[in-house]
C-alpha atoms as a PDB file:
ATOM      1  CA  MET A   1     116.642 172.094 105.371  1.00  0.00           C
ATOM      2  CA  HIS A   2     116.508 175.576 106.871  1.00  0.00           C
ATOM      3  CA  VAL A   3     114.577 178.494 105.504  1.00  0.00           C
ATOM      4  CA  ASP A   4     115.127 182.253 105.602  1.00  0.00           C
ATOM      5  CA  THR A   5     114.463 184.111 108.829  1.00  0.00           C
ATOM      6  CA  ARG A   6     111.342 185.930 107.625  1.00  0.00           C
ATOM      7  CA  LEU A   7     109.626 182.764 106.445  1.00  0.00           C
ATOM      8  CA  GLU A   8     110.827 181.008 109.574  1.00  0.00           C
ATOM      9  CA  ARG A   9     108.972 183.570 111.693  1.00  0.00           C
ATOM     10  CA  TRP A  10     105.818 183.177 109.614  1.00  0.00           C
ATOM     11  CA  LEU A  11     105.831 179.399 109.974  1.00  0.00           C
ATOM     12  CA  LYS A  12     106.293 179.621 113.728  1.00  0.00           C
ATOM     13  CA  ALA A  13     103.616 182.309 114.019  1.00  0.00           C
ATOM     14  CA  LEU A  14     101.114 180.220 112.044  1.00  0.00           C
ATOM     15  CA  LYS A  15     101.652 177.245 114.355  1.00  0.00           C
ATOM     16  CA  PHE A  16     101.277 179.485 117.396  1.00  0.00           C
ATOM     17  CA  ILE A  17      98.026 181.018 116.090  1.00  0.00           C
ATOM     18  CA  GLY A  18      96.692 177.549 115.314  1.00  0.00           C
ATOM     19  CA  TRP A  19      97.334 176.285 118.839  1.00  0.00           C
ATOM     20  CA  ALA A  20      95.878 179.507 120.263  1.00  0.00           C
ATOM     21  CA  GLY A  21      92.616 178.738 118.458  1.00  0.00           C
ATOM     22  CA  VAL A  22      92.519 175.202 119.864  1.00  0.00           C
ATOM     23  CA  VAL A  23      93.194 176.434 123.407  1.00  0.00           C
ATOM     24  CA  ALA A  24      90.507 179.135 123.111  1.00  0.00           C
ATOM     25  CA  SER A  25      87.856 176.598 122.043  1.00  0.00           C
ATOM     26  CA  THR A  26      88.833 174.265 124.879  1.00  0.00           C
ATOM     27  CA  ILE A  27      88.534 177.032 127.480  1.00  0.00           C
ATOM     28  CA  LEU A  28      85.136 178.095 126.123  1.00  0.00           C
ATOM     29  CA  ALA A  29      83.920 174.481 126.170  1.00  0.00           C
ATOM     30  CA  ALA A  30      85.074 174.011 129.781  1.00  0.00           C
ATOM     31  CA  LEU A  31      83.360 177.226 130.908  1.00  0.00           C
ATOM     32  CA  TYR A  32      80.165 176.203 129.130  1.00  0.00           C
ATOM     33  CA  LEU A  33      80.142 172.694 130.609  1.00  0.00           C
ATOM     34  CA  GLU A  34      80.664 174.154 134.088  1.00  0.00           C
ATOM     35  CA  GLU A  35      77.749 176.547 133.397  1.00  0.00           C
ATOM     36  CA  VAL A  36      79.985 179.573 133.969  1.00  0.00           C
ATOM     37  CA  ILE A  37      78.920 181.028 130.626  1.00  0.00           C
ATOM     38  CA  SER A  38      75.928 180.403 128.399  1.00  0.00           C
ATOM     39  CA  ILE A  39      76.796 180.468 124.698  1.00  0.00           C
ATOM     40  CA  TRP A  40      76.099 178.434 121.594  1.00  0.00           C
ATOM     41  CA  TRP A  41      78.298 175.519 120.594  1.00  0.00           C
ATOM     42  CA  SER A  42      78.668 177.170 117.202  1.00  0.00           C
ATOM     43  CA  ILE A  43      80.533 180.008 118.936  1.00  0.00           C
ATOM     44  CA  ILE A  44      82.676 177.571 120.925  1.00  0.00           C
ATOM     45  CA  VAL A  45      83.950 175.850 117.771  1.00  0.00           C
ATOM     46  CA  LEU A  46      84.740 179.108 115.942  1.00  0.00           C
ATOM     47  CA  PRO A  47      88.338 179.407 117.270  1.00  0.00           C
ATOM     48  CA  LEU A  48      88.848 175.730 116.425  1.00  0.00           C
ATOM     49  CA  LEU A  49      88.222 176.515 112.768  1.00  0.00           C
ATOM     50  CA  ILE A  50      91.293 178.798 112.705  1.00  0.00           C
ATOM     51  CA  PRO A  51      93.939 176.012 112.761  1.00  0.00           C
ATOM     52  CA  LEU A  52      91.906 174.045 110.219  1.00  0.00           C
ATOM     53  CA  ILE A  53      92.138 177.021 107.857  1.00  0.00           C
ATOM     54  CA  ILE A  54      95.801 177.668 108.645  1.00  0.00           C
ATOM     55  CA  PHE A  55      97.062 174.086 108.275  1.00  0.00           C
ATOM     56  CA  PRO A  56      96.896 173.837 104.444  1.00  0.00           C
ATOM     57  CA  ILE A  57      98.577 177.255 104.169  1.00  0.00           C
ATOM     58  CA  TYR A  58     101.320 176.165 106.566  1.00  0.00           C
ATOM     59  CA  LEU A  59     101.793 172.916 104.647  1.00  0.00           C
ATOM     60  CA  SER A  60     101.957 174.764 101.330  1.00  0.00           C
ATOM     61  CA  LEU A  61     104.682 177.094 102.648  1.00  0.00           C
ATOM     62  CA  ASN A  62     106.658 174.089 103.853  1.00  0.00           C
ATOM     63  CA  PHE A  63     106.480 172.371 100.488  1.00  0.00           C
ATOM     64  CA  THR A  64     107.201 175.515  98.473  1.00  0.00           C
ATOM     65  CA  TYR A  65     110.134 176.902 100.441  1.00  0.00           C
ATOM     66  CA  SER A  66     111.404 174.130 102.692  1.00  0.00           C
ATOM     67  CA  GLN A  67     111.021 171.042 100.515  1.00  0.00           C
ATOM     68  CA  PRO A  68     111.912 172.202  96.976  1.00  0.00           C
ATOM     69  CA  GLN A  69     113.223 168.727  96.182  1.00  0.00           C
ATOM     70  CA  MET A  70     109.771 167.181  96.657  1.00  0.00           C
ATOM     71  CA  ASN A  71     108.174 165.638  93.585  1.00  0.00           C
ATOM     72  CA  THR A  72     105.467 167.893  92.128  1.00  0.00           C
ATOM     73  CA  THR A  73     102.965 165.047  91.949  1.00  0.00           C
ATOM     74  CA  SER A  74     103.565 164.115  95.588  1.00  0.00           C
ATOM     75  CA  GLU A  75     103.139 167.727  96.667  1.00  0.00           C
ATOM     76  CA  TRP A  76      99.901 168.041  94.678  1.00  0.00           C
ATOM     77  CA  ILE A  77      98.456 164.839  96.165  1.00  0.00           C
ATOM     78  CA  LEU A  78      99.330 165.803  99.745  1.00  0.00           C
ATOM     79  CA  MET A  79      97.925 169.321  99.337  1.00  0.00           C
ATOM     80  CA  LEU A  80      94.718 167.908  97.824  1.00  0.00           C
ATOM     81  CA  LEU A  81      94.335 165.574 100.800  1.00  0.00           C
ATOM     82  CA  ALA A  82      95.094 168.411 103.238  1.00  0.00           C
ATOM     83  CA  TYR A  83      92.526 170.806 101.756  1.00  0.00           C
ATOM     84  CA  ASN A  84      89.840 168.117 101.507  1.00  0.00           C
ATOM     85  CA  GLY A  85      90.566 166.734 104.967  1.00  0.00           C
ATOM     86  CA  THR A  86      90.473 170.079 106.768  1.00  0.00           C
ATOM     87  CA  ALA A  87      87.389 171.188 104.818  1.00  0.00           C
ATOM     88  CA  SER A  88      85.476 168.025 105.763  1.00  0.00           C
ATOM     89  CA  LEU A  89      86.473 168.423 109.418  1.00  0.00           C
ATOM     90  CA  ARG A  90      85.334 172.058 109.408  1.00  0.00           C
ATOM     91  CA  ILE A  91      81.963 171.074 107.961  1.00  0.00           C
ATOM     92  CA  PHE A  92      81.611 168.264 110.507  1.00  0.00           C
ATOM     93  CA  LEU A  93      82.332 170.593 113.437  1.00  0.00           C
ATOM     94  CA  ILE A  94      79.932 173.243 112.144  1.00  0.00           C
ATOM     95  CA  LEU A  95      77.097 170.765 111.567  1.00  0.00           C
ATOM     96  CA  SER A  96      77.677 169.146 114.970  1.00  0.00           C
ATOM     97  CA  SER A  97      77.533 172.515 116.724  1.00  0.00           C
ATOM     98  CA  PHE A  98      74.368 173.478 114.822  1.00  0.00           C
ATOM     99  CA  LEU A  99      72.723 170.206 115.865  1.00  0.00           C
ATOM    100  CA  LEU A 100      73.718 170.668 119.517  1.00  0.00           C
ATOM    101  CA  ASP A 101      72.373 174.238 119.383  1.00  0.00           C
ATOM    102  CA  GLU A 102      69.157 172.872 117.800  1.00  0.00           C
ATOM    103  CA  LEU A 103      69.604 175.180 114.823  1.00  0.00           C
ATOM    104  CA  ILE A 104      69.078 172.205 112.516  1.00  0.00           C
ATOM    105  CA  ASP A 105      66.833 169.181 112.904  1.00  0.00           C
ATOM    106  CA  THR A 106      68.656 166.212 111.449  1.00  0.00           C
ATOM    107  CA  PRO A 107      69.946 162.863 112.764  1.00  0.00           C
ATOM    108  CA  TRP A 108      73.586 162.410 113.672  1.00  0.00           C
ATOM    109  CA  THR A 109      73.835 159.997 110.750  1.00  0.00           C
ATOM    110  CA  VAL A 110      73.613 162.950 108.355  1.00  0.00           C
ATOM    111  CA  VAL A 111      75.972 165.106 110.414  1.00  0.00           C
ATOM    112  CA  PHE A 112      78.583 162.339 110.283  1.00  0.00           C
ATOM    113  CA  ILE A 113      78.771 162.323 106.468  1.00  0.00           C
ATOM    114  CA  PRO A 114      81.729 164.780 106.455  1.00  0.00           C
ATOM    115  CA  PHE A 115      83.375 162.638 109.157  1.00  0.00           C
ATOM    116  CA  TRP A 116      83.209 159.549 106.948  1.00  0.00           C
ATOM    117  CA  TYR A 117      84.604 161.587 104.078  1.00  0.00           C
ATOM    118  CA  LEU A 118      87.460 162.636 106.381  1.00  0.00           C
ATOM    119  CA  LEU A 119      88.196 158.978 107.112  1.00  0.00           C
ATOM    120  CA  PHE A 120      88.137 158.317 103.369  1.00  0.00           C
ATOM    121  CA  ILE A 121      90.785 161.036 102.973  1.00  0.00           C
ATOM    122  CA  TYR A 122      92.769 159.361 105.762  1.00  0.00           C
ATOM    123  CA  LEU A 123      92.483 156.039 103.906  1.00  0.00           C
ATOM    124  CA  ALA A 124      93.732 157.684 100.709  1.00  0.00           C
ATOM    125  CA  PHE A 125      96.684 159.109 102.653  1.00  0.00           C
ATOM    126  CA  CYS A 126      97.493 155.663 104.084  1.00  0.00           C
ATOM    127  CA  ILE A 127      97.329 154.039 100.647  1.00  0.00           C
ATOM    128  CA  TYR A 128      99.609 156.722  99.238  1.00  0.00           C
ATOM    129  CA  ILE A 129     102.253 156.795 101.974  1.00  0.00           C
ATOM    130  CA  CYS A 130     102.379 153.200 103.250  1.00  0.00           C
ATOM    131  CA  PRO A 131     104.214 151.688 100.224  1.00  0.00           C
ATOM    132  CA  GLY A 132     107.053 154.109 100.946  1.00  0.00           C
ATOM    133  CA  LEU A 133     107.020 153.307 104.662  1.00  0.00           C
ATOM    134  CA  THR A 134     107.231 149.564 104.040  1.00  0.00           C
ATOM    135  CA  HIS A 135     110.105 149.868 101.551  1.00  0.00           C
ATOM    136  CA  LYS A 136     113.169 147.925 102.670  1.00  0.00           C
ATOM    137  CA  ASP A 137     115.314 151.082 102.710  1.00  0.00           C
ATOM    138  CA  VAL A 138     112.853 152.871 105.016  1.00  0.00           C
ATOM    139  CA  ASN A 139     111.692 149.940 107.159  1.00  0.00           C
ATOM    140  CA  MET A 140     108.790 151.653 108.929  1.00  0.00           C
ATOM    141  CA  LYS A 141     106.334 148.770 108.779  1.00  0.00           C
ATOM    142  CA  ILE A 142     105.130 149.376 112.336  1.00  0.00           C
ATOM    143  CA  GLU A 143     104.172 152.962 111.484  1.00  0.00           C
ATOM    144  CA  ALA A 144     102.302 151.765 108.394  1.00  0.00           C
ATOM    145  CA  PHE A 145     100.471 149.134 110.436  1.00  0.00           C
ATOM    146  CA  LEU A 146      99.467 151.685 113.081  1.00  0.00           C
ATOM    147  CA  LEU A 147      98.175 154.123 110.440  1.00  0.00           C
ATOM    148  CA  PHE A 148      95.718 151.504 109.209  1.00  0.00           C
ATOM    149  CA  GLY A 149      95.046 150.343 112.770  1.00  0.00           C
ATOM    150  CA  TYR A 150      93.903 153.781 113.916  1.00  0.00           C
ATOM    151  CA  LEU A 151      91.818 154.124 110.767  1.00  0.00           C
ATOM    152  CA  CYS A 152      89.959 150.890 111.584  1.00  0.00           C
ATOM    153  CA  GLY A 153      89.610 151.738 115.286  1.00  0.00           C
ATOM    154  CA  THR A 154      88.281 155.233 114.601  1.00  0.00           C
ATOM    155  CA  SER A 155      85.845 153.954 111.967  1.00  0.00           C
ATOM    156  CA  VAL A 156      84.334 151.305 114.252  1.00  0.00           C
ATOM    157  CA  SER A 157      84.145 153.767 117.167  1.00  0.00           C
ATOM    158  CA  GLY A 158      82.367 156.228 114.866  1.00  0.00           C
ATOM    159  CA  PHE A 159      79.721 153.653 113.956  1.00  0.00           C
ATOM    160  CA  LEU A 160      79.227 152.749 117.623  1.00  0.00           C
ATOM    161  CA  PHE A 161      78.877 156.422 118.564  1.00  0.00           C
ATOM    162  CA  LEU A 162      76.104 156.843 115.996  1.00  0.00           C
ATOM    163  CA  PHE A 163      74.275 153.901 117.548  1.00  0.00           C
ATOM    164  CA  TYR A 164      74.155 155.767 120.871  1.00  0.00           C
ATOM    165  CA  ALA A 165      73.825 159.332 119.583  1.00  0.00           C
ATOM    166  CA  ASP A 166      70.712 158.907 117.452  1.00  0.00           C
ATOM    167  CA  GLN A 167      68.930 157.190 120.349  1.00  0.00           C
ATOM    168  CA  TRP A 168      70.224 159.681 122.931  1.00  0.00           C
ATOM    169  CA  ASP A 169      70.834 156.659 125.155  1.00  0.00           C
ATOM    170  CA  TYR A 170      74.372 156.565 126.538  1.00  0.00           C
ATOM    171  CA  LYS A 171      74.113 153.533 128.810  1.00  0.00           C
ATOM    172  CA  ASN A 172      77.274 151.395 128.482  1.00  0.00           C
ATOM    173  CA  PHE A 173      78.868 154.196 126.466  1.00  0.00           C
ATOM    174  CA  TYR A 174      82.327 152.700 127.032  1.00  0.00           C
ATOM    175  CA  PHE A 175      81.632 150.280 124.157  1.00  0.00           C
ATOM    176  CA  VAL A 176      82.201 153.213 121.793  1.00  0.00           C
ATOM    177  CA  PHE A 177      85.900 153.483 122.601  1.00  0.00           C
ATOM    178  CA  ILE A 178      86.778 149.781 122.929  1.00  0.00           C
ATOM    179  CA  PRO A 179      88.007 149.503 119.290  1.00  0.00           C
ATOM    180  CA  LEU A 180      90.194 152.568 119.788  1.00  0.00           C
ATOM    181  CA  TRP A 181      91.538 151.256 123.097  1.00  0.00           C
ATOM    182  CA  VAL A 182      92.480 147.968 121.428  1.00  0.00           C
ATOM    183  CA  VAL A 183      94.545 149.843 118.843  1.00  0.00           C
ATOM    184  CA  CYS A 184      96.120 151.982 121.590  1.00  0.00           C
ATOM    185  CA  GLY A 185      97.009 148.822 123.520  1.00  0.00           C
ATOM    186  CA  ILE A 186      98.702 147.334 120.450  1.00  0.00           C
ATOM    187  CA  HIS A 187     100.496 150.641 119.895  1.00  0.00           C
ATOM    188  CA  LEU A 188     101.721 150.701 123.502  1.00  0.00           C
ATOM    189  CA  PHE A 189     102.958 147.101 123.266  1.00  0.00           C
ATOM    190  CA  LEU A 190     104.846 147.820 120.049  1.00  0.00           C
ATOM    191  CA  PHE A 191     106.239 151.027 121.538  1.00  0.00           C
ATOM    192  CA  PHE A 192     107.967 149.254 124.422  1.00  0.00           C
ATOM    193  CA  ASN A 193     108.698 146.059 122.493  1.00  0.00           C
ATOM    194  CA  GLU A 194     110.682 148.041 119.923  1.00  0.00           C
ATOM    195  CA  ASN A 195     112.492 150.076 122.619  1.00  0.00           C
ATOM    196  CA  ARG A 196     111.304 153.359 121.127  1.00  0.00           C
ATOM    197  CA  PHE A 197     111.168 155.261 124.427  1.00  0.00           C
ATOM    198  CA  SER A 198     114.519 157.037 124.185  1.00  0.00           C
ATOM    199  CA  ASN A 199     113.733 158.821 120.904  1.00  0.00           C
ATOM    200  CA  ASN A 200     109.931 158.967 120.883  1.00  0.00           C
ATOM    201  CA  GLN A 201     108.744 160.416 124.191  1.00  0.00           C
ATOM    202  CA  GLU A 202     106.302 162.676 122.334  1.00  0.00           C
ATOM    203  CA  GLU A 203     104.667 159.618 120.778  1.00  0.00           C
ATOM    204  CA  LEU A 204     104.105 158.144 124.243  1.00  0.00           C
ATOM    205  CA  VAL A 205     102.675 161.452 125.517  1.00  0.00           C
ATOM    206  CA  LEU A 206     100.159 161.612 122.651  1.00  0.00           C
ATOM    207  CA  LEU A 207      99.206 157.976 123.194  1.00  0.00           C
ATOM    208  CA  GLY A 208      98.686 158.570 126.912  1.00  0.00           C
ATOM    209  CA  PHE A 209      96.598 161.622 126.135  1.00  0.00           C
ATOM    210  CA  LEU A 210      94.323 159.714 123.754  1.00  0.00           C
ATOM    211  CA  VAL A 211      93.711 156.926 126.264  1.00  0.00           C
ATOM    212  CA  SER A 212      93.137 159.207 129.273  1.00  0.00           C
ATOM    213  CA  PHE A 213      90.930 161.584 127.266  1.00  0.00           C
ATOM    214  CA  THR A 214      88.597 158.822 126.034  1.00  0.00           C
ATOM    215  CA  ILE A 215      88.481 157.140 129.456  1.00  0.00           C
ATOM    216  CA  LEU A 216      87.505 160.409 131.150  1.00  0.00           C
ATOM    217  CA  ILE A 217      84.809 161.041 128.534  1.00  0.00           C
ATOM    218  CA  THR A 218      83.382 157.603 129.288  1.00  0.00           C
ATOM    219  CA  LEU A 219      83.457 158.184 133.048  1.00  0.00           C
ATOM    220  CA  CYS A 220      81.750 161.572 132.691  1.00  0.00           C
ATOM    221  CA  VAL A 221      78.984 160.006 130.598  1.00  0.00           C
ATOM    222  CA  GLU A 222      78.535 156.951 132.831  1.00  0.00           C
ATOM    223  CA  ILE A 223      78.863 158.692 136.229  1.00  0.00           C
ATOM    224  CA  SER A 224      76.693 161.764 136.583  1.00  0.00           C
ATOM    225  CA  GLU A 225      78.571 162.957 139.700  1.00  0.00           C
ATOM    226  CA  ILE A 226      81.703 163.671 137.637  1.00  0.00           C
ATOM    227  CA  PRO A 227      81.658 167.173 136.089  1.00  0.00           C
ATOM    228  CA  PRO A 228      81.786 167.039 132.259  1.00  0.00           C
ATOM    229  CA  SER A 229      84.695 169.481 132.200  1.00  0.00           C
ATOM    230  CA  VAL A 230      86.927 166.842 133.849  1.00  0.00           C
ATOM    231  CA  ALA A 231      87.184 165.083 130.495  1.00  0.00           C
ATOM    232  CA  ILE A 232      88.805 168.178 129.012  1.00  0.00           C
ATOM    233  CA  VAL A 233      91.696 168.249 131.523  1.00  0.00           C
ATOM    234  CA  PRO A 234      94.109 166.000 129.515  1.00  0.00           C
ATOM    235  CA  LEU A 235      93.237 167.890 126.342  1.00  0.00           C
ATOM    236  CA  PHE A 236      93.843 171.249 127.987  1.00  0.00           C
ATOM    237  CA  LEU A 237      97.189 170.190 129.502  1.00  0.00           C
ATOM    238  CA  LEU A 238      98.400 168.854 126.161  1.00  0.00           C
ATOM    239  CA  GLU A 239      97.351 172.023 124.361  1.00  0.00           C
ATOM    240  CA  ILE A 240      99.049 174.287 126.905  1.00  0.00           C
ATOM    241  CA  VAL A 241     102.341 172.398 126.499  1.00  0.00           C
ATOM    242  CA  PHE A 242     102.260 172.742 122.710  1.00  0.00           C
ATOM    243  CA  PHE A 243     100.975 176.326 122.922  1.00  0.00           C
ATOM    244  CA  ILE A 244     103.854 177.437 125.157  1.00  0.00           C
ATOM    245  CA  SER A 245     106.321 175.463 123.046  1.00  0.00           C
ATOM    246  CA  GLU A 246     105.239 177.208 119.837  1.00  0.00           C
ATOM    247  CA  PHE A 247     105.280 180.599 121.571  1.00  0.00           C
ATOM    248  CA  LEU A 248     108.886 180.096 122.697  1.00  0.00           C
ATOM    249  CA  LYS A 249     109.934 178.929 119.228  1.00  0.00           C
ATOM    250  CA  ILE A 250     108.945 182.312 117.785  1.00  0.00           C
ATOM    251  CA  PHE A 251     111.832 183.895 119.687  1.00  0.00           C
ATOM    252  CA  GLU A 252     114.410 181.209 118.925  1.00  0.00           C
ATOM    253  CA  PRO A 253     117.334 182.743 117.016  1.00  0.00           C
ATOM    254  CA  LYS A 254     118.466 179.501 115.425  1.00  0.00           C
ATOM    255  CA  GLY A 255     117.305 178.137 112.068  1.00  0.00           C
ATOM    256  CA  TYR A 256     114.003 176.439 111.780  1.00  0.00           C
ATOM    257  CA  SER A 257     113.366 172.981 110.435  1.00  0.00           C
ATOM    258  CA  ALA A 258     110.069 173.281 108.628  1.00  0.00           C
ATOM    259  CA  LEU A 259     108.706 169.891 109.522  1.00  0.00           C
ATOM    260  CA  GLU A 260     109.615 169.826 113.210  1.00  0.00           C
END
């Protein structure tokens, strides 16, 4: 469904501003890791908070103006999950930056409490949406399986990260991402096995980004000769592509599909 031109511009602008915040934080992080600038991590994450504030607003506009046929209960549940999920992620990023800046003295176990709450929100989302995905008329069982798969992989990787972080000992750090890599491997197998390449190139790009990003993080931790900023390269390239894409969409004269 298409929306009026004015709202269309607002939706595109919100997405553009959100990606601009992500790109700004990434650039600041790269400059800090390369010791070009000396600032606090709490300043680096500030632009990253912008898309986390914008996302629920963007979602609300979509539901209100672009999806009027949506059930009120469904809209309420999804908005509740969106507000809680973004709030928990904001708190997690703020606490993490404060700990890295030594503004607070607390173990990573405490800092990760909002992260676990975020995963709980993700679980609630999976429980809510998966029955619809597995319905015979929809037939998206693979998507439902992968939703739970990434939840399990991220949860186990989170526990393993805490094991290393609280001891500040990152020897054999690659163990942290093994659960996530297993899920990515299954995802890649299903992707090609189901011949999804022709219509889902973006899915493959995001999968490749996740794998390369985590591998580079591991290499930077394990091999001191590799600059830490190298790990950010896949993230930065992905962000630039989406950033430019959203910028160009602002000037598109055609109608706008709210959920594209």
